[in-house]
């Protein structure tokens, strides 16, 4: 059996997005995928930064888009931080966001999907430098990196240098302390900070500069940049008014910093429901400075402008659902080595009938795919059932 197809099918059966690049499942989002690919190219090749919002109701494919972006970014040599507001971190404080980013790093490696950490990223570079160059040149390159980081934050550069020296001297205790400081740990004692030659921590005042230094560090050691993905941003609306406003203020600041070039080689992508964008009491419209920057994308039938800050995902059409059915039948039949006893239209209509039994409103992509695989599994295991020998009339998806 094909491991890739098994991963896709098993994930979709559970109603989740497979943690793999899903080129073969892209349906009805070609222009949006192309825009995200252009963003990655711009960050990698031109060094700019960007902010993008993905808007859509539950089940319209936001998570699919975010996963696609993550997988493409990893393949393109980016470091990715994949976050969800439901994880419980406080988006109203940039230092908390920084700590969350540092705790959810991922690179393209043999341990793909299991995450990584600052230590692994940096140790990989040290090993490659030592392997490719004589030790004196390797040392010179390391000091060049440290010197460049002083431009962003002296403490960050100092702690990084301490970390490198500790690694070279096999001082694991000191290297772990230094790594903890870099990752935003505030529970480091005064005595331990003295060993790092610093006084404070990564806090709300210096977090942005430390983050800029970290992004610069990754660029200097060979990565394409940083992609920060934040899902379920609508959860911010449940916060107290003051906390919510601070979160929106941080979003505004991130947009300004990326647009002005204060942050380089970084892309933030946020996903949220329509309510987040449209609710005047608790959504973006309640914070005018942010709402003006995001703007309102002009929508026309069959016309979209994907270059604006917001990528608005429209519900699937009947044609889109049919195309998805075609693609999943192909993956399923190839994986289990069988031929469907009825045509694609009949299978699609059977799925619609089953979805309508449980869906009171519009059928979501997630539930459609889940129900489709239920029917395909049943069909593959029980091809002689009468229901799979009868053509079902054409139905429209509500």
Foldseek 3Di string as FASTA:
>chain_A
DDPVLVQQLVQLLVLHHRLAQPPLQDFPCVVLLVLLVVQLCCLQPVWAEAEAEEEAAPQLCPNVSVSNSVNVQQVQQAKEFEAEVVVPFQLLFLLSVLLSSQVRIAHDDPPHPPGDHPVVLVVVLLVVLVVPDPPVVSVVLLVVLLVVLVVLPPLLSLLVVQLVVCVVVVVVVLNVLSRCQLSFDQPDDQVSVVSSVDGHGCGRVRVVSSVLSVQSSSVSSPGSGYEYEYEAPVVLLVDPPVSSQSSLVVVLVVRVCSVVVVRISYYYYYYHYPCQLPVCPRHNVVHPSSNVQQDDWDDDVVDGDSVGNYHYRDHDFPVRLLSSLVSSLVSLCVVLVDDQLDDSQQLLVVLLVVQVVPDPDFDRNSSSSNSSSVVVVCCVVCVPPPSSNDRDDGDGGD
